[in-house]
Protein backbone atom coordinates (compact mmCIF):
# COMPACT_ATOMS: atom_id res chain seq x y z
CA MET A 1 -128.40 -95.67 33.54
CA THR A 2 -129.79 -92.51 32.79
CA PRO A 3 -129.48 -92.44 28.81
CA ALA A 4 -127.46 -89.09 27.45
CA ILE A 5 -129.65 -85.94 26.94
CA ALA A 6 -129.40 -85.02 22.98
CA GLU A 7 -127.40 -82.46 22.63
CA LYS A 8 -129.10 -80.40 19.38
CA HIS A 9 -128.02 -77.52 17.36
CA SER A 10 -129.79 -75.45 15.08
CA ILE A 11 -128.24 -73.82 12.01
CA GLN A 12 -128.25 -72.15 8.71
CA VAL A 13 -126.99 -73.22 5.71
CA PRO A 14 -126.49 -70.80 2.71
CA VAL A 15 -127.76 -72.88 -0.79
CA GLN A 16 -127.41 -71.71 -4.37
CA GLY A 17 -128.30 -73.43 -7.14
CA MET A 18 -131.99 -73.68 -7.11
CA SER A 19 -133.83 -72.50 -9.36
CA CYS A 20 -137.86 -73.21 -8.36
CA ALA A 21 -139.64 -73.99 -4.95
CA SER A 22 -139.37 -78.00 -6.14
CA CYS A 23 -135.66 -77.49 -5.20
CA SER A 24 -136.06 -76.30 -2.29
CA ALA A 25 -138.81 -79.27 -1.18
CA ARG A 26 -136.30 -82.04 -2.58
CA ILE A 27 -133.48 -80.28 0.08
CA GLU A 28 -135.88 -80.39 2.73
CA LYS A 29 -136.85 -83.95 2.31
CA LYS A 30 -133.71 -85.41 1.69
CA LEU A 31 -132.14 -83.34 5.02
CA SER A 32 -135.19 -84.62 7.42
CA GLY A 33 -134.04 -87.86 5.95
CA MET A 34 -131.01 -88.30 7.52
CA LYS A 35 -130.21 -89.84 10.62
CA GLY A 36 -130.01 -87.03 13.53
CA VAL A 37 -131.63 -84.43 11.91
CA SER A 38 -135.40 -83.35 14.02
CA SER A 39 -136.12 -80.69 11.09
CA ALA A 40 -135.33 -79.08 8.17
CA SER A 41 -136.84 -75.96 6.31
CA VAL A 42 -135.42 -74.56 3.49
CA ASN A 43 -136.30 -70.91 2.11
CA PHE A 44 -136.13 -70.49 -1.50
CA ALA A 45 -136.10 -67.03 -1.91
CA ALA A 46 -133.63 -66.53 0.97
CA GLU A 47 -131.38 -69.46 0.07
CA ARG A 48 -131.13 -70.66 2.86
CA ALA A 49 -131.85 -74.00 4.87
CA THR A 50 -132.12 -74.31 8.58
CA VAL A 51 -131.07 -77.15 9.92
CA GLU A 52 -131.66 -78.93 13.44
CA PHE A 53 -129.92 -82.01 14.22
CA ASP A 54 -128.08 -84.28 16.94
CA ASP A 55 -124.52 -83.64 16.96
CA ARG A 56 -124.26 -87.15 17.84
CA GLN A 57 -125.93 -88.14 14.82
CA ALA A 58 -125.19 -85.63 12.13
CA SER A 59 -122.78 -82.76 11.04
CA VAL A 60 -122.73 -80.09 9.78
CA ALA A 61 -119.89 -81.48 6.86
CA GLY A 62 -122.41 -84.14 6.09
CA ILE A 63 -125.42 -81.63 5.77
CA ALA A 64 -123.35 -79.81 3.24
CA ALA A 65 -122.33 -83.24 1.35
CA ALA A 66 -126.17 -84.22 1.13
CA ILE A 67 -126.97 -81.12 -0.03
CA GLU A 68 -124.30 -80.81 -2.43
CA ALA A 69 -124.98 -84.80 -3.50
CA LEU A 70 -128.01 -83.39 -5.01
CA GLY A 71 -126.70 -80.92 -7.27
CA PHE A 72 -126.75 -77.78 -5.33
CA GLN A 73 -123.56 -75.49 -3.69
CA VAL A 74 -122.92 -75.14 -0.45
CA PRO A 75 -120.39 -71.89 -0.43
CA ARG A 76 -117.46 -72.46 1.21
CA LEU A 77 -113.73 -70.89 1.76
CA ARG A 78 -110.61 -71.91 1.88
CA GLN A 79 -107.60 -69.94 3.21
CA VAL A 80 -104.42 -70.07 5.24
CA PHE A 81 -103.94 -68.92 8.70
CA PRO A 82 -100.47 -67.91 10.18
CA VAL A 83 -100.90 -70.33 13.57
CA GLU A 84 -97.49 -68.68 16.54
CA GLY A 85 -96.75 -70.93 19.43
CA MET A 86 -96.44 -74.75 18.04
CA SER A 87 -93.24 -76.45 19.00
CA CYS A 88 -93.87 -79.88 18.04
CA ALA A 89 -96.40 -82.52 15.91
CA SER A 90 -98.59 -82.83 19.27
CA CYS A 91 -99.28 -79.04 18.83
CA VAL A 92 -100.64 -79.85 15.27
CA SER A 93 -102.85 -82.68 16.44
CA ARG A 94 -104.78 -80.42 19.02
CA VAL A 95 -104.97 -77.09 16.86
CA GLU A 96 -106.41 -79.56 14.43
CA LYS A 97 -108.80 -81.07 16.54
CA LYS A 98 -110.03 -77.95 17.95
CA LEU A 99 -110.17 -76.64 14.34
CA ARG A 100 -111.86 -79.57 13.35
CA GLY A 101 -114.70 -79.25 16.20
CA LEU A 102 -115.70 -75.38 15.05
CA GLU A 103 -119.46 -75.39 13.49
CA GLY A 104 -119.27 -74.28 9.63
CA VAL A 105 -115.26 -76.33 9.68
CA MET A 106 -115.31 -78.61 7.13
CA SER A 107 -111.55 -79.85 7.01
CA ALA A 108 -108.33 -78.28 8.86
CA GLU A 109 -105.08 -79.00 7.87
CA VAL A 110 -101.88 -77.35 10.14
CA ASN A 111 -98.30 -77.56 8.82
CA LEU A 112 -95.63 -77.37 11.30
CA ALA A 113 -92.84 -77.14 8.92
CA THR A 114 -94.60 -73.33 7.79
CA GLU A 115 -96.51 -72.48 10.84
CA ARG A 116 -99.88 -72.44 8.92
CA ALA A 117 -103.28 -73.88 9.09
CA ALA A 118 -105.53 -74.09 5.68
CA VAL A 119 -109.06 -74.43 6.84
CA GLU A 120 -111.92 -75.06 4.58
CA TYR A 121 -115.10 -73.81 6.08
CA ILE A 122 -118.61 -71.80 5.43
CA PRO A 123 -118.17 -68.40 6.27
CA SER A 124 -121.90 -67.34 7.15
CA LEU A 125 -121.24 -70.38 10.59
CA VAL A 126 -118.10 -69.46 11.61
CA GLY A 127 -114.90 -67.00 10.90
CA LEU A 128 -111.27 -65.67 11.81
CA GLN A 129 -112.70 -64.27 14.96
CA ASP A 130 -113.91 -67.65 16.12
CA PHE A 131 -110.54 -69.38 14.81
CA GLN A 132 -108.46 -66.68 16.87
CA GLU A 133 -110.33 -67.13 20.20
CA ALA A 134 -110.77 -71.65 19.89
CA LEU A 135 -107.16 -71.69 19.69
CA LYS A 136 -106.13 -68.61 22.39
CA ALA A 137 -107.93 -71.02 24.71
CA LEU A 138 -105.47 -73.26 23.78
CA GLY A 139 -102.04 -71.03 23.83
CA TYR A 140 -101.91 -70.33 19.74
CA THR A 141 -102.35 -67.46 18.04
CA LEU A 142 -103.82 -67.38 14.59
CA THR A 143 -103.29 -64.25 12.77
CA ALA A 144 -105.53 -63.10 9.60
CA PRO A 145 -104.30 -64.72 6.38
CA LYS A 146 -101.45 -62.06 4.67
CA GLU A 147 -102.13 -60.31 1.48
CA VAL A 148 -100.24 -61.33 -1.22
CA GLY A 149 -97.36 -58.40 -1.95
CA GLY A 150 -96.73 -58.09 1.27
CA GLU A 151 -93.49 -59.05 3.01
CA ALA A 152 -94.41 -59.58 7.02
CA GLU A 153 -94.29 -63.23 7.04
CA GLU A 154 -91.00 -63.88 5.45
CA ASP A 155 -89.36 -60.98 7.00
CA ARG A 156 -90.76 -62.66 10.39
CA GLN A 157 -89.13 -65.82 9.62
CA ALA A 158 -85.63 -64.42 8.11
CA ALA A 159 -86.30 -62.45 11.85
CA GLU A 160 -86.50 -65.44 13.69
CA SER A 161 -83.64 -67.52 11.64
CA ARG A 162 -81.40 -64.74 13.18
CA LYS A 163 -82.68 -64.72 16.61
CA MET A 164 -82.06 -68.68 17.03
CA ALA A 165 -78.57 -68.27 15.34
CA PHE A 166 -77.69 -65.77 18.20
CA ARG A 167 -79.25 -67.75 21.20
CA PHE A 168 -77.29 -70.84 19.60
CA GLY A 169 -73.98 -69.25 19.14
CA VAL A 170 -74.00 -68.07 22.39
CA SER A 171 -75.00 -71.18 24.05
CA ALA A 172 -72.66 -73.70 22.15
CA ALA A 173 -69.54 -71.40 23.96
CA LEU A 174 -70.86 -71.08 26.92
CA THR A 175 -70.98 -75.12 26.70
CA VAL A 176 -67.80 -76.03 25.37
CA VAL A 177 -66.28 -74.11 27.85
CA VAL A 178 -68.60 -76.00 30.78
CA MET A 179 -67.59 -79.04 28.82
CA VAL A 180 -63.64 -79.12 28.58
CA GLY A 181 -63.19 -76.85 31.78
CA GLY A 182 -65.27 -79.81 33.97
CA MET A 183 -63.65 -82.57 32.02
CA ALA A 184 -60.00 -81.26 31.26
CA ALA A 185 -59.58 -78.72 33.25
CA GLY A 186 -61.31 -79.13 36.46
CA LEU A 187 -63.53 -76.41 36.07
CA SER A 188 -64.53 -75.98 39.87
CA HIS A 189 -68.69 -76.60 40.19
CA ALA A 190 -69.42 -72.80 41.25
CA TRP A 191 -67.86 -72.02 38.19
CA GLN A 192 -69.41 -74.35 36.30
CA LEU A 193 -72.38 -73.49 37.70
CA ALA A 194 -72.05 -69.42 36.70
CA LEU A 195 -71.55 -70.52 32.87
CA ALA A 196 -74.27 -73.31 32.48
CA THR A 197 -77.09 -70.54 34.43
CA PRO A 198 -77.37 -68.82 31.03
CA VAL A 199 -77.52 -72.06 28.57
CA GLN A 200 -80.34 -73.39 31.04
CA LEU A 201 -82.16 -70.15 32.17
CA TRP A 202 -81.44 -67.73 28.72
CA GLY A 203 -80.93 -70.46 26.03
CA GLY A 204 -84.00 -72.80 27.27
CA ALA A 205 -86.10 -69.98 27.80
CA LEU A 206 -88.43 -70.64 24.73
CA PHE A 207 -88.48 -73.94 25.73
CA TYR A 208 -89.70 -72.89 29.68
CA ARG A 209 -92.21 -70.69 27.71
CA GLY A 210 -93.55 -73.62 25.62
CA ALA A 211 -93.97 -76.07 28.63
CA TYR A 212 -95.34 -73.26 30.66
CA LYS A 213 -97.96 -72.28 27.71
CA GLY A 214 -98.94 -76.33 27.49
CA LEU A 215 -98.85 -77.16 30.84
CA ARG A 216 -101.56 -73.90 31.50
CA HIS A 217 -104.22 -75.75 29.55
CA GLY A 218 -103.56 -78.82 30.09
CA THR A 219 -101.33 -80.42 27.62
CA VAL A 220 -97.87 -81.11 26.95
CA ASP A 221 -95.26 -81.45 24.40
CA MET A 222 -91.58 -81.73 22.85
CA ASN A 223 -90.93 -78.81 25.09
CA THR A 224 -92.15 -80.23 28.42
CA LEU A 225 -89.91 -83.33 27.76
CA VAL A 226 -86.52 -81.18 27.11
CA VAL A 227 -87.59 -79.08 30.42
CA VAL A 228 -88.56 -81.81 32.61
CA GLY A 229 -85.07 -83.73 31.05
CA THR A 230 -82.50 -80.65 31.27
CA SER A 231 -84.20 -79.12 34.44
CA ALA A 232 -83.67 -82.64 36.44
CA ALA A 233 -80.19 -82.74 35.45
CA TYR A 234 -79.50 -78.66 36.12
CA PHE A 235 -81.46 -77.75 39.30
CA TYR A 236 -79.91 -81.55 41.17
CA SER A 237 -76.27 -79.99 40.38
CA VAL A 238 -77.29 -76.90 41.79
CA TYR A 239 -78.28 -78.46 44.96
CA ALA A 240 -75.53 -80.55 44.86
CA THR A 241 -72.87 -77.41 44.48
CA LEU A 242 -75.02 -75.17 46.93
CA PHE A 243 -75.25 -77.57 49.98
CA PRO A 244 -72.76 -80.88 49.23
CA SER A 245 -72.92 -82.05 52.99
CA THR A 246 -76.65 -83.42 52.25
CA LEU A 247 -75.63 -85.43 49.55
CA SER A 248 -73.28 -87.35 51.70
CA PHE A 249 -75.94 -90.18 51.74
CA LEU A 250 -75.42 -91.04 48.51
CA GLY A 251 -71.60 -92.69 49.63
CA GLU A 252 -69.35 -91.62 47.13
CA LYS A 253 -67.84 -88.22 45.47
CA VAL A 254 -70.63 -85.66 45.04
CA VAL A 255 -71.04 -85.04 40.64
CA VAL A 256 -72.51 -82.36 39.05
CA TYR A 257 -74.51 -82.56 35.49
CA PHE A 258 -74.22 -79.01 34.77
CA GLU A 259 -72.55 -79.77 31.09
CA THR A 260 -75.35 -82.56 29.97
CA SER A 261 -78.29 -79.82 30.68
CA ALA A 262 -75.88 -77.48 28.53
CA VAL A 263 -75.24 -79.87 26.01
CA ILE A 264 -78.99 -80.69 25.68
CA ILE A 265 -80.28 -77.46 25.34
CA THR A 266 -77.50 -76.70 22.93
CA LEU A 267 -78.09 -79.45 20.56
CA VAL A 268 -82.15 -78.59 21.03
CA LEU A 269 -81.42 -74.98 20.11
CA MET A 270 -79.15 -76.41 17.13
CA GLY A 271 -82.27 -78.46 15.44
CA ARG A 272 -84.48 -75.56 16.43
CA TRP A 273 -82.22 -72.73 14.48
CA MET A 274 -81.96 -75.91 10.91
CA GLU A 275 -85.88 -75.75 11.19
CA ALA A 276 -86.07 -71.91 11.04
CA ARG A 277 -83.14 -71.73 8.71
CA ALA A 278 -84.87 -74.36 6.50
CA LYS A 279 -88.32 -72.10 6.93
CA SER A 280 -86.90 -68.67 5.66
CA ARG A 281 -85.03 -70.58 2.47
CA ALA A 282 -88.31 -72.30 1.96
CA SER A 283 -90.46 -69.37 2.17
CA GLY A 284 -87.79 -67.70 -0.50
CA ALA A 285 -89.94 -69.49 -3.12
CA ILE A 286 -93.06 -67.24 -2.10
CA ARG A 287 -90.49 -64.10 -2.04
CA LYS A 288 -89.19 -64.68 -5.33
CA LEU A 289 -92.91 -64.92 -6.91
CA ILE A 290 -94.14 -61.58 -5.68
CA GLY A 291 -91.54 -60.50 -6.23
CA LEU A 292 -92.04 -60.48 -10.05
CA GLN A 293 -94.82 -58.20 -9.59
CA PRO A 294 -94.00 -54.88 -10.10
CA LYS A 295 -94.26 -52.07 -6.66
CA THR A 296 -95.93 -49.74 -8.76
CA ALA A 297 -97.80 -48.07 -11.81
CA ARG A 298 -98.14 -45.60 -13.97
CA VAL A 299 -102.06 -44.52 -13.70
CA GLU A 300 -103.79 -42.04 -16.03
CA ARG A 301 -106.27 -40.22 -13.54
CA ASP A 302 -107.64 -36.73 -14.40
CA GLY A 303 -105.86 -36.82 -17.24
CA GLN A 304 -102.77 -37.05 -15.80
CA GLU A 305 -100.00 -39.97 -16.15
CA VAL A 306 -98.86 -40.76 -12.22
CA GLU A 307 -97.05 -43.16 -10.55
CA VAL A 308 -99.02 -44.93 -7.95
CA PRO A 309 -98.27 -48.21 -5.46
CA ILE A 310 -99.16 -51.42 -7.12
CA LEU A 311 -101.76 -51.52 -3.51
CA GLU A 312 -103.32 -48.43 -4.63
CA VAL A 313 -104.71 -49.39 -8.49
CA VAL A 314 -108.21 -50.71 -8.72
CA PRO A 315 -110.50 -52.15 -11.29
CA GLY A 316 -111.50 -50.12 -14.26
CA ASP A 317 -108.02 -47.77 -13.72
CA ARG A 318 -106.13 -46.90 -17.29
CA LEU A 319 -102.81 -47.90 -17.24
CA VAL A 320 -99.86 -46.85 -19.53
CA VAL A 321 -96.81 -49.71 -20.32
CA ARG A 322 -93.47 -48.81 -21.79
CA PRO A 323 -91.01 -51.34 -23.81
CA GLY A 324 -88.91 -53.30 -20.87
CA GLU A 325 -91.33 -52.83 -18.36
CA LYS A 326 -93.16 -55.68 -16.19
CA ILE A 327 -97.29 -55.02 -16.83
CA PRO A 328 -98.55 -54.66 -13.37
CA VAL A 329 -101.61 -56.35 -12.86
CA ASP A 330 -103.87 -58.14 -15.22
CA GLY A 331 -105.98 -56.25 -18.00
CA LYS A 332 -107.02 -56.28 -21.28
CA MET A 333 -104.93 -53.93 -23.82
CA LEU A 334 -106.60 -50.58 -25.13
CA GLU A 335 -104.12 -49.34 -27.50
CA GLY A 336 -101.28 -50.31 -28.95
CA SER A 337 -99.65 -53.55 -29.35
CA ALA A 338 -96.85 -55.08 -27.84
CA ALA A 339 -94.81 -58.48 -27.74
CA ILE A 340 -95.29 -59.67 -24.32
CA ASP A 341 -92.77 -62.64 -22.44
CA GLU A 342 -95.77 -64.38 -20.78
CA SER A 343 -92.87 -67.52 -20.02
CA MET A 344 -93.39 -67.10 -15.78
CA ILE A 345 -97.42 -68.36 -16.48
CA THR A 346 -97.48 -70.44 -19.81
CA GLY A 347 -94.22 -71.18 -19.70
CA GLU A 348 -93.78 -70.04 -23.91
CA SER A 349 -90.47 -68.87 -24.15
CA VAL A 350 -91.14 -66.51 -26.85
CA PRO A 351 -92.99 -63.57 -26.21
CA VAL A 352 -96.98 -63.32 -28.04
CA ASP A 353 -97.72 -60.53 -30.02
CA LYS A 354 -100.82 -58.59 -28.30
CA GLY A 355 -103.19 -55.75 -29.55
CA PRO A 356 -106.56 -54.21 -28.61
CA GLY A 357 -108.63 -56.58 -26.94
CA ASP A 358 -106.29 -59.02 -25.99
CA PRO A 359 -106.09 -59.77 -22.49
CA VAL A 360 -102.86 -59.42 -20.53
CA ILE A 361 -101.19 -60.53 -17.70
CA GLY A 362 -100.03 -59.02 -14.22
CA ALA A 363 -96.05 -59.67 -13.83
CA SER A 364 -95.09 -60.45 -17.73
CA LEU A 365 -92.73 -58.63 -19.48
CA ASN A 366 -93.14 -55.92 -22.33
CA THR A 367 -90.33 -56.62 -24.07
CA THR A 368 -91.33 -54.32 -27.36
CA GLY A 369 -94.05 -51.94 -28.08
CA PHE A 370 -95.87 -48.98 -25.88
CA PHE A 371 -99.42 -49.72 -25.05
CA LYS A 372 -102.20 -48.76 -22.70
CA MET A 373 -104.51 -51.21 -20.88
CA ARG A 374 -107.36 -51.10 -18.34
CA ALA A 375 -107.08 -52.75 -14.92
CA GLU A 376 -109.34 -56.10 -14.71
CA ARG A 377 -108.25 -58.17 -11.68
CA VAL A 378 -106.09 -56.77 -8.88
CA GLY A 379 -104.06 -57.92 -5.46
CA ARG A 380 -105.66 -60.99 -4.31
CA ASP A 381 -107.33 -61.68 -7.21
CA SER A 382 -104.78 -61.92 -9.74
CA VAL A 383 -103.01 -64.44 -11.61
CA LEU A 384 -99.67 -64.17 -9.78
CA ALA A 385 -101.73 -63.80 -6.47
CA GLN A 386 -103.74 -67.14 -7.28
CA ILE A 387 -99.95 -69.22 -8.20
CA VAL A 388 -99.14 -67.55 -4.76
CA ARG A 389 -101.80 -69.29 -2.76
CA LEU A 390 -101.53 -72.45 -4.78
CA VAL A 391 -97.44 -72.47 -3.29
CA GLU A 392 -99.03 -71.71 -0.31
CA GLU A 393 -101.45 -74.05 0.29
CA ALA A 394 -99.11 -76.70 -1.58
CA GLN A 395 -96.12 -76.35 1.02
CA GLY A 396 -99.13 -75.87 4.16
CA SER A 397 -100.92 -79.62 3.09
CA LYS A 398 -99.99 -83.16 4.48
CA ALA A 399 -99.20 -86.08 2.78
CA PRO A 400 -101.02 -89.79 3.96
CA VAL A 401 -97.91 -90.43 6.06
CA GLN A 402 -97.82 -87.06 7.48
CA ARG A 403 -101.08 -87.79 8.85
CA LEU A 404 -100.28 -91.30 10.21
CA ALA A 405 -96.91 -89.31 12.11
CA ASP A 406 -99.80 -86.54 13.86
CA ARG A 407 -101.99 -89.21 15.20
CA VAL A 408 -98.71 -90.82 16.71
CA ALA A 409 -97.75 -87.62 18.21
CA ALA A 410 -100.34 -86.96 19.62
CA VAL A 411 -99.70 -89.97 22.43
CA PHE A 412 -96.44 -89.80 22.40
CA VAL A 413 -95.44 -87.13 24.36
CA PRO A 414 -97.75 -88.24 27.76
CA THR A 415 -96.43 -91.61 27.01
CA VAL A 416 -92.74 -90.95 26.73
CA ILE A 417 -92.82 -88.98 29.95
CA ALA A 418 -94.90 -92.32 31.70
CA VAL A 419 -92.54 -94.68 30.45
CA ALA A 420 -89.38 -91.85 31.35
CA LEU A 421 -90.92 -92.29 34.99
CA ALA A 422 -91.57 -96.38 35.29
CA ALA A 423 -87.69 -96.19 34.27
CA PHE A 424 -86.64 -93.94 37.13
CA ILE A 425 -88.52 -95.71 39.74
CA PHE A 426 -87.52 -99.37 38.08
CA TRP A 427 -83.36 -98.32 38.27
CA PHE A 428 -84.05 -96.15 41.67
CA VAL A 429 -85.90 -99.11 43.69
CA PHE A 430 -84.54 -102.54 41.90
CA GLY A 431 -81.41 -101.59 39.97
CA GLU A 432 -78.94 -103.13 42.55
CA ARG A 433 -80.96 -106.26 42.45
CA VAL A 434 -80.15 -106.92 39.15
CA VAL A 435 -77.28 -105.42 37.55
CA GLU A 436 -73.83 -104.13 39.54
CA LEU A 437 -74.68 -100.30 38.54
CA PRO A 438 -71.78 -98.27 37.38
CA ALA A 439 -73.26 -95.15 40.11
CA PRO A 440 -75.17 -94.91 43.16
CA PRO A 441 -78.71 -95.80 42.45
CA PHE A 442 -80.13 -92.46 42.52
CA LEU A 443 -77.93 -91.12 39.72
CA PHE A 444 -78.20 -94.15 37.83
CA ALA A 445 -81.87 -93.42 37.29
CA LEU A 446 -81.84 -90.31 37.27
CA MET A 447 -79.49 -90.22 33.98
CA THR A 448 -81.81 -92.89 32.81
CA PHE A 449 -84.93 -90.86 33.71
CA ILE A 450 -83.17 -87.69 31.67
CA SER A 451 -82.31 -90.19 28.52
CA VAL A 452 -85.57 -91.99 27.96
CA LEU A 453 -87.09 -87.83 28.22
CA ILE A 454 -85.16 -86.35 25.44
CA ILE A 455 -83.90 -89.19 23.05
CA ALA A 456 -87.38 -89.48 22.80
CA CYS A 457 -88.44 -85.67 21.75
CA PRO A 458 -90.74 -85.90 18.82
CA CYS A 459 -89.18 -83.09 16.82
CA ALA A 460 -87.84 -85.65 13.33
CA LEU A 461 -91.74 -87.54 13.89
CA GLY A 462 -93.67 -83.81 13.08
CA LEU A 463 -90.86 -81.61 11.26
CA ALA A 464 -89.40 -84.05 8.59
CA THR A 465 -92.44 -85.10 6.38
CA PRO A 466 -93.62 -81.29 6.57
CA THR A 467 -90.32 -79.51 6.33
CA ALA A 468 -89.54 -81.62 3.06
CA ILE A 469 -93.41 -80.56 1.49
CA MET A 470 -92.44 -77.35 2.38
CA VAL A 471 -88.92 -77.21 0.70
CA GLY A 472 -90.00 -79.46 -2.34
CA THR A 473 -93.05 -76.94 -3.51
CA GLY A 474 -90.79 -73.85 -3.41
CA LYS A 475 -88.18 -75.83 -4.96
CA GLY A 476 -90.66 -76.27 -7.24
CA ALA A 477 -92.24 -73.06 -7.65
CA GLU A 478 -88.86 -71.60 -8.13
CA LEU A 479 -87.95 -73.45 -11.28
CA GLY A 480 -91.37 -73.34 -12.61
CA ILE A 481 -92.81 -76.48 -11.46
CA LEU A 482 -96.44 -76.26 -9.44
CA ILE A 483 -97.18 -79.09 -6.93
CA LYS A 484 -100.68 -79.28 -6.10
CA GLY A 485 -99.83 -80.41 -2.28
CA GLY A 486 -97.86 -83.58 -0.59
CA GLU A 487 -100.46 -85.82 -1.18
CA THR A 488 -99.25 -85.47 -5.53
CA LEU A 489 -95.56 -85.07 -4.20
CA GLU A 490 -96.06 -88.73 -2.75
CA LYS A 491 -97.97 -90.08 -5.15
CA ILE A 492 -95.06 -88.94 -7.72
CA GLN A 493 -92.87 -91.91 -7.02
CA LYS A 494 -95.15 -94.25 -8.31
CA LEU A 495 -95.05 -92.16 -12.02
CA GLN A 496 -93.68 -94.31 -14.78
CA THR A 497 -94.79 -91.94 -17.56
CA ILE A 498 -95.28 -88.23 -17.66
CA VAL A 499 -97.07 -86.42 -20.81
CA PHE A 500 -96.30 -83.07 -21.58
CA ASP A 501 -98.92 -81.11 -23.58
CA LYS A 502 -96.76 -78.64 -25.24
CA THR A 503 -92.97 -78.45 -26.13
CA GLY A 504 -93.01 -74.81 -25.21
CA THR A 505 -92.57 -76.19 -21.79
CA LEU A 506 -89.27 -78.54 -22.38
CA THR A 507 -87.55 -75.78 -24.36
CA ARG A 508 -84.28 -73.80 -22.68
CA GLY A 509 -86.79 -70.40 -22.65
CA ARG A 510 -84.53 -68.66 -25.71
CA PRO A 511 -84.77 -69.11 -29.64
CA GLU A 512 -80.92 -70.37 -31.03
CA VAL A 513 -79.75 -70.87 -34.42
CA THR A 514 -79.61 -74.40 -35.47
CA ASP A 515 -79.20 -74.42 -39.58
CA VAL A 516 -78.23 -72.34 -42.39
CA ILE A 517 -80.72 -73.94 -45.18
CA THR A 518 -80.21 -72.03 -48.71
CA LEU A 519 -81.01 -72.61 -51.87
CA GLU A 520 -78.90 -74.94 -54.88
CA ASP A 521 -78.05 -71.83 -56.64
CA CYS A 522 -76.93 -68.91 -53.79
CA PRO A 523 -73.55 -67.75 -54.47
CA VAL A 524 -73.13 -66.64 -50.52
CA PRO A 525 -71.71 -69.53 -48.39
CA PRO A 526 -73.93 -70.77 -45.48
CA ASP A 527 -71.31 -68.90 -42.83
CA ARG A 528 -71.16 -65.37 -44.72
CA LEU A 529 -74.91 -65.76 -45.07
CA LEU A 530 -75.47 -65.80 -42.02
CA VAL A 531 -73.20 -63.10 -40.89
CA LEU A 532 -75.32 -60.61 -43.37
CA ALA A 533 -78.31 -62.13 -41.35
CA ALA A 534 -77.03 -61.12 -38.20
CA SER A 535 -76.40 -57.38 -39.40
CA LEU A 536 -79.47 -56.86 -40.99
CA GLU A 537 -81.27 -58.26 -37.78
CA LYS A 538 -78.67 -56.29 -34.94
CA ALA A 539 -81.41 -53.55 -34.48
CA SER A 540 -83.98 -55.06 -33.98
CA GLU A 541 -85.98 -56.07 -30.91
CA HIS A 542 -87.91 -59.18 -32.12
CA PRO A 543 -87.29 -62.39 -30.27
CA LEU A 544 -85.83 -64.35 -33.07
CA ALA A 545 -83.41 -61.40 -33.83
CA ARG A 546 -81.77 -62.35 -30.64
CA ALA A 547 -81.43 -65.96 -31.23
CA GLY A 548 -77.87 -67.28 -30.56
CA GLY A 549 -75.67 -69.93 -32.30
CA GLY A 550 -77.04 -73.56 -31.43
């Protein structure tokens, strides 16, 4: 046998942290000694390593790890991209495999529930266009990461939930008529055909589209199972309705299964609607975080104070913030003083006094005082934007148990189809020899075939864990608890002791009067003293002046 020809690759990897020529020599020596690397050249001035390697023995990730093991850095970027067109866990496996196979991609994790892919990559080697082209070849659509402050993704999920609810509602109404009419009212086959057809062809249209996309690219998924199973029941029933005489070979009264296909389509649509609703609700945590930032800011430009959209604020702008307003962006106080409620970031229940030179955080609340500030970090660089990205990445991350489920799902659908075909052949050919069947062999085999396909749909397999992570991390963010990711969430169950680093995070978030302590010779009773103190503080804006009774 002729040995396989080695596939040589040449890449240029950016390297940071080199201080002299000896650094580049160390890297060259390390890389040249790696298995599969035929040559390595490091340019100290350009901060770049050119490596030629055999992709069967070495990888970009391994090369980067070897450079970093020496104490240098390979610049990499981690971004979360929306991905459309996925319908089950096998889709997740295909997308991950395709992204990880791109040169320059260090890791890729895809979450079906959030419809996002978290990709860590070397920007100089691969980028957005490469991701889009790779997934387009599989029938999926990857889009650019949305900017923090935009609500397009959340609006899309809410609209998807409404459309799915309408599709499910109409299909459910028609299905009920088909079932009741067919079993109790003796509805004719022609009427059942008329009522079941919209459910099959309109209600199930998204399954047909999904199955077509998959088959066009040589893959099968949950859509394929639904389409094959329901189509078998529906089109057999159509044939039986239109050409009943040709089925006389069955030896019994012609039976149709319109209610079977309609019920299956409706039940799967109900599952899709519940999934869409869960996604929409979970994304509400992101929406609430984004909503903390004000929509506009007062900016001094050309000696005038003008109100501009928050997206038009740039670093260096001088901003004016009045009492009771939210601070538009991260920056530094220039003039004035204020007590700022930063509980949304720090958990501190008491506002912090700030003056010239002190940093201020965007989306925190100016409770008292008028001040001017200079914008320093805006858009995706702000503290709030980083929190939003952290929550998004946590929602898109995977727990270890989910990785196992995804590996199973990758081979699950083809296996189920093979088992369903084997069951059909067995009962059709050998059924009557094994046991007395309650129906003609063909019909019994057909129903068995459909049952295996539909019952085995891996919806829960692919969606249970990611949806739980998405809802859990979203609810945590809503309550002020940031969870790093699915793996962290899975490990929490093993915790026995939790240590908090400050008491401020454990309070109710507002000061309360708990005791009144007086001197021994004080002529005023404690209750009366409390009334007098409250009267004096009534007009004050100080946080302690607003303390309630404990």
